[in-house]
Amino acid sequence: MAQRKPFLLRVDPKVLDAVQKWANDDLRSLNGQIEFLLRRALKDAGREKKNKE
């Protein structure tokens, strides 16, 4: 598993509640949902790092 780097995130409570509900619907943890959304945003913006294989 890849290493994780913890950090503090300040977010509007309404946004957090909406993301938590979305995570519940997708059977993910809140942390997993946030990471999923960030990765998708990076991919959509063409900014994801390519893995060297």
PDB file of N, CA and C in Angstrom:
ATOM      1  N   MET A   1       0.837  -1.179   0.000  1.00  0.00           N
ATOM      2  CA  MET A   1       0.000   0.000   0.000  1.00  0.00           C
ATOM      3  C   MET A   1       0.886   1.248   0.000  1.00  0.00           C
ATOM      4  N   ALA A   2       0.454   2.267  -0.720  1.00  0.00           N
ATOM      5  CA  ALA A   2       1.207   3.515  -0.790  1.00  0.00           C
ATOM      6  C   ALA A   2       1.208   4.204   0.574  1.00  0.00           C
ATOM      7  N   GLN A   3       2.270   4.933   0.833  1.00  0.00           N
ATOM      8  CA  GLN A   3       2.355   5.678   2.082  1.00  0.00           C
ATOM      9  C   GLN A   3       1.346   6.818   2.061  1.00  0.00           C
ATOM     10  N   ARG A   4       0.834   7.148   3.205  1.00  0.00           N
ATOM     11  CA  ARG A   4      -0.128   8.241   3.348  1.00  0.00           C
ATOM     12  C   ARG A   4       0.518   9.353   4.153  1.00  0.00           C
ATOM     13  N   LYS A   5       0.222  10.581   3.779  1.00  0.00           N
ATOM     14  CA  LYS A   5       0.745  11.743   4.493  1.00  0.00           C
ATOM     15  C   LYS A   5      -0.446  12.485   5.102  1.00  0.00           C
ATOM     16  N   PRO A   6      -0.561  12.502   6.419  1.00  0.00           N
ATOM     17  CA  PRO A   6      -1.700  13.173   7.046  1.00  0.00           C
ATOM     18  C   PRO A   6      -1.580  14.698   6.949  1.00  0.00           C
ATOM     19  N   PHE A   7      -2.732  15.354   6.881  1.00  0.00           N
ATOM     20  CA  PHE A   7      -2.761  16.815   6.899  1.00  0.00           C
ATOM     21  C   PHE A   7      -4.116  17.277   7.400  1.00  0.00           C
ATOM     22  N   LEU A   8      -4.164  18.493   7.891  1.00  0.00           N
ATOM     23  CA  LEU A   8      -5.396  19.083   8.410  1.00  0.00           C
ATOM     24  C   LEU A   8      -6.156  19.734   7.257  1.00  0.00           C
ATOM     25  N   LEU A   9      -7.454  19.516   7.223  1.00  0.00           N
ATOM     26  CA  LEU A   9      -8.291  20.108   6.190  1.00  0.00           C
ATOM     27  C   LEU A   9      -9.444  20.843   6.853  1.00  0.00           C
ATOM     28  N   ARG A  10      -9.533  22.133   6.608  1.00  0.00           N
ATOM     29  CA  ARG A  10     -10.658  22.913   7.117  1.00  0.00           C
ATOM     30  C   ARG A  10     -11.691  22.993   6.004  1.00  0.00           C
ATOM     31  N   VAL A  11     -12.920  22.631   6.328  1.00  0.00           N
ATOM     32  CA  VAL A  11     -13.963  22.599   5.301  1.00  0.00           C
ATOM     33  C   VAL A  11     -15.302  23.005   5.920  1.00  0.00           C
ATOM     34  N   ASP A  12     -16.123  23.628   5.118  1.00  0.00           N
ATOM     35  CA  ASP A  12     -17.453  24.034   5.553  1.00  0.00           C
ATOM     36  C   ASP A  12     -18.239  22.798   6.012  1.00  0.00           C
ATOM     37  N   PRO A  13     -18.903  22.877   7.150  1.00  0.00           N
ATOM     38  CA  PRO A  13     -19.643  21.712   7.661  1.00  0.00           C
ATOM     39  C   PRO A  13     -20.692  21.168   6.683  1.00  0.00           C
ATOM     40  N   LYS A  14     -21.342  22.041   5.917  1.00  0.00           N
ATOM     41  CA  LYS A  14     -22.340  21.576   4.950  1.00  0.00           C
ATOM     42  C   LYS A  14     -21.688  20.774   3.831  1.00  0.00           C
ATOM     43  N   VAL A  15     -20.516  21.205   3.403  1.00  0.00           N
ATOM     44  CA  VAL A  15     -19.776  20.472   2.369  1.00  0.00           C
ATOM     45  C   VAL A  15     -19.351  19.119   2.932  1.00  0.00           C
ATOM     46  N   LEU A  16     -18.844  19.112   4.145  1.00  0.00           N
ATOM     47  CA  LEU A  16     -18.404  17.873   4.769  1.00  0.00           C
ATOM     48  C   LEU A  16     -19.561  16.888   4.926  1.00  0.00           C
ATOM     49  N   ASP A  17     -20.717  17.390   5.345  1.00  0.00           N
ATOM     50  CA  ASP A  17     -21.893  16.527   5.480  1.00  0.00           C
ATOM     51  C   ASP A  17     -22.298  15.927   4.137  1.00  0.00           C
ATOM     52  N   ALA A  18     -22.263  16.739   3.081  1.00  0.00           N
ATOM     53  CA  ALA A  18     -22.630  16.247   1.757  1.00  0.00           C
ATOM     54  C   ALA A  18     -21.649  15.189   1.267  1.00  0.00           C
ATOM     55  N   VAL A  19     -20.358  15.401   1.498  1.00  0.00           N
ATOM     56  CA  VAL A  19     -19.352  14.419   1.084  1.00  0.00           C
ATOM     57  C   VAL A  19     -19.489  13.152   1.924  1.00  0.00           C
ATOM     58  N   GLN A  20     -19.808  13.285   3.206  1.00  0.00           N
ATOM     59  CA  GLN A  20     -20.009  12.102   4.053  1.00  0.00           C
ATOM     60  C   GLN A  20     -21.191  11.271   3.551  1.00  0.00           C
ATOM     61  N   LYS A  21     -22.280  11.927   3.193  1.00  0.00           N
ATOM     62  CA  LYS A  21     -23.444  11.200   2.665  1.00  0.00           C
ATOM     63  C   LYS A  21     -23.087  10.497   1.358  1.00  0.00           C
ATOM     64  N   TRP A  22     -22.327  11.172   0.499  1.00  0.00           N
ATOM     65  CA  TRP A  22     -21.886  10.596  -0.765  1.00  0.00           C
ATOM     66  C   TRP A  22     -21.003   9.375  -0.500  1.00  0.00           C
ATOM     67  N   ALA A  23     -20.096   9.505   0.463  1.00  0.00           N
ATOM     68  CA  ALA A  23     -19.224   8.383   0.827  1.00  0.00           C
ATOM     69  C   ALA A  23     -20.052   7.203   1.321  1.00  0.00           C
ATOM     70  N   ASN A  24     -21.039   7.476   2.136  1.00  0.00           N
ATOM     71  CA  ASN A  24     -21.911   6.408   2.627  1.00  0.00           C
ATOM     72  C   ASN A  24     -22.614   5.702   1.469  1.00  0.00           C
ATOM     73  N   ASP A  25     -23.110   6.478   0.512  1.00  0.00           N
ATOM     74  CA  ASP A  25     -23.783   5.902  -0.661  1.00  0.00           C
ATOM     75  C   ASP A  25     -22.846   5.026  -1.474  1.00  0.00           C
ATOM     76  N   ASP A  26     -21.571   5.417  -1.546  1.00  0.00           N
ATOM     77  CA  ASP A  26     -20.570   4.677  -2.326  1.00  0.00           C
ATOM     78  C   ASP A  26     -19.824   3.629  -1.500  1.00  0.00           C
ATOM     79  N   LEU A  27     -20.262   3.437  -0.249  1.00  0.00           N
ATOM     80  CA  LEU A  27     -19.642   2.468   0.667  1.00  0.00           C
ATOM     81  C   LEU A  27     -18.145   2.726   0.845  1.00  0.00           C
ATOM     82  N   ARG A  28     -17.789   4.011   0.999  1.00  0.00           N
ATOM     83  CA  ARG A  28     -16.406   4.409   1.252  1.00  0.00           C
ATOM     84  C   ARG A  28     -16.348   5.155   2.580  1.00  0.00           C
ATOM     85  N   SER A  29     -15.155   5.232   3.131  1.00  0.00           N
ATOM     86  CA  SER A  29     -14.936   6.098   4.287  1.00  0.00           C
ATOM     87  C   SER A  29     -14.912   7.542   3.788  1.00  0.00           C
ATOM     88  N   LEU A  30     -15.062   8.474   4.695  1.00  0.00           N
ATOM     89  CA  LEU A  30     -14.980   9.886   4.318  1.00  0.00           C
ATOM     90  C   LEU A  30     -13.615  10.185   3.723  1.00  0.00           C
ATOM     91  N   ASN A  31     -12.563   9.690   4.361  1.00  0.00           N
ATOM     92  CA  ASN A  31     -11.212   9.903   3.854  1.00  0.00           C
ATOM     93  C   ASN A  31     -11.057   9.300   2.453  1.00  0.00           C
ATOM     94  N   GLY A  32     -11.566   8.088   2.266  1.00  0.00           N
ATOM     95  CA  GLY A  32     -11.489   7.428   0.971  1.00  0.00           C
ATOM     96  C   GLY A  32     -12.242   8.197  -0.100  1.00  0.00           C
ATOM     97  N   GLN A  33     -13.379   8.768   0.262  1.00  0.00           N
ATOM     98  CA  GLN A  33     -14.173   9.533  -0.704  1.00  0.00           C
ATOM     99  C   GLN A  33     -13.445  10.811  -1.109  1.00  0.00           C
ATOM    100  N   ILE A  34     -12.851  11.493  -0.139  1.00  0.00           N
ATOM    101  CA  ILE A  34     -12.109  12.714  -0.447  1.00  0.00           C
ATOM    102  C   ILE A  34     -10.938  12.394  -1.368  1.00  0.00           C
ATOM    103  N   GLU A  35     -10.216  11.320  -1.073  1.00  0.00           N
ATOM    104  CA  GLU A  35      -9.086  10.928  -1.930  1.00  0.00           C
ATOM    105  C   GLU A  35      -9.568  10.546  -3.329  1.00  0.00           C
ATOM    106  N   PHE A  36     -10.674   9.823  -3.415  1.00  0.00           N
ATOM    107  CA  PHE A  36     -11.260   9.454  -4.705  1.00  0.00           C
ATOM    108  C   PHE A  36     -11.597  10.706  -5.521  1.00  0.00           C
ATOM    109  N   LEU A  37     -12.225  11.676  -4.885  1.00  0.00           N
ATOM    110  CA  LEU A  37     -12.607  12.908  -5.578  1.00  0.00           C
ATOM    111  C   LEU A  37     -11.391  13.718  -6.023  1.00  0.00           C
ATOM    112  N   LEU A  38     -10.379  13.772  -5.177  1.00  0.00           N
ATOM    113  CA  LEU A  38      -9.154  14.490  -5.543  1.00  0.00           C
ATOM    114  C   LEU A  38      -8.458  13.818  -6.726  1.00  0.00           C
ATOM    115  N   ARG A  39      -8.378  12.481  -6.695  1.00  0.00           N
ATOM    116  CA  ARG A  39      -7.746  11.769  -7.807  1.00  0.00           C
ATOM    117  C   ARG A  39      -8.512  11.975  -9.111  1.00  0.00           C
ATOM    118  N   ARG A  40      -9.842  11.941  -9.029  1.00  0.00           N
ATOM    119  CA  ARG A  40     -10.670  12.146 -10.224  1.00  0.00           C
ATOM    120  C   ARG A  40     -10.487  13.561 -10.765  1.00  0.00           C
ATOM    121  N   ALA A  41     -10.434  14.546  -9.873  1.00  0.00           N
ATOM    122  CA  ALA A  41     -10.223  15.926 -10.298  1.00  0.00           C
ATOM    123  C   ALA A  41      -8.858  16.089 -10.967  1.00  0.00           C
ATOM    124  N   LEU A  42      -7.824  15.458 -10.409  1.00  0.00           N
ATOM    125  CA  LEU A  42      -6.488  15.521 -11.006  1.00  0.00           C
ATOM    126  C   LEU A  42      -6.488  14.893 -12.399  1.00  0.00           C
ATOM    127  N   LYS A  43      -7.145  13.746 -12.532  1.00  0.00           N
ATOM    128  CA  LYS A  43      -7.210  13.074 -13.830  1.00  0.00           C
ATOM    129  C   LYS A  43      -7.952  13.935 -14.851  1.00  0.00           C
ATOM    130  N   ASP A  44      -9.101  14.480 -14.444  1.00  0.00           N
ATOM    131  CA  ASP A  44      -9.899  15.315 -15.343  1.00  0.00           C
ATOM    132  C   ASP A  44      -9.142  16.563 -15.790  1.00  0.00           C
ATOM    133  N   ALA A  45      -8.277  17.081 -14.924  1.00  0.00           N
ATOM    134  CA  ALA A  45      -7.501  18.283 -15.235  1.00  0.00           C
ATOM    135  C   ALA A  45      -6.196  17.957 -15.949  1.00  0.00           C
ATOM    136  N   GLY A  46      -5.917  16.654 -16.141  1.00  0.00           N
ATOM    137  CA  GLY A  46      -4.672  16.254 -16.795  1.00  0.00           C
ATOM    138  C   GLY A  46      -3.448  16.499 -15.937  1.00  0.00           C
ATOM    139  N   ARG A  47      -3.617  16.421 -14.628  1.00  0.00           N
ATOM    140  CA  ARG A  47      -2.513  16.721 -13.718  1.00  0.00           C
ATOM    141  C   ARG A  47      -2.074  15.527 -12.880  1.00  0.00           C
ATOM    142  N   GLU A  48      -2.584  14.330 -13.185  1.00  0.00           N
ATOM    143  CA  GLU A  48      -2.188  13.164 -12.400  1.00  0.00           C
ATOM    144  C   GLU A  48      -0.785  12.731 -12.772  1.00  0.00           C
ATOM    145  N   LYS A  49      -0.065  12.219 -11.774  1.00  0.00           N
ATOM    146  CA  LYS A  49       1.286  11.707 -12.035  1.00  0.00           C
ATOM    147  C   LYS A  49       1.171  10.344 -12.685  1.00  0.00           C
ATOM    148  N   LYS A  50       1.968  10.091 -13.668  1.00  0.00           N
ATOM    149  CA  LYS A  50       1.993   8.795 -14.327  1.00  0.00           C
ATOM    150  C   LYS A  50       2.895   7.858 -13.549  1.00  0.00           C
ATOM    151  N   ASN A  51       2.437   6.654 -13.272  1.00  0.00           N
ATOM    152  CA  ASN A  51       3.257   5.653 -12.593  1.00  0.00           C
ATOM    153  C   ASN A  51       4.223   5.023 -13.596  1.00  0.00           C
ATOM    154  N   LYS A  52       5.484   4.912 -13.202  1.00  0.00           N
ATOM    155  CA  LYS A  52       6.484   4.268 -14.060  1.00  0.00           C
ATOM    156  C   LYS A  52       6.425   2.775 -13.807  1.00  0.00           C
ATOM    157  N   GLU A  53       6.178   2.000 -14.853  1.00  0.00           N
ATOM    158  CA  GLU A  53       6.122   0.552 -14.706  1.00  0.00           C
ATOM    159  C   GLU A  53       7.097  -0.087 -15.639  1.00  0.00           C
TER     160      GLU A  53
END
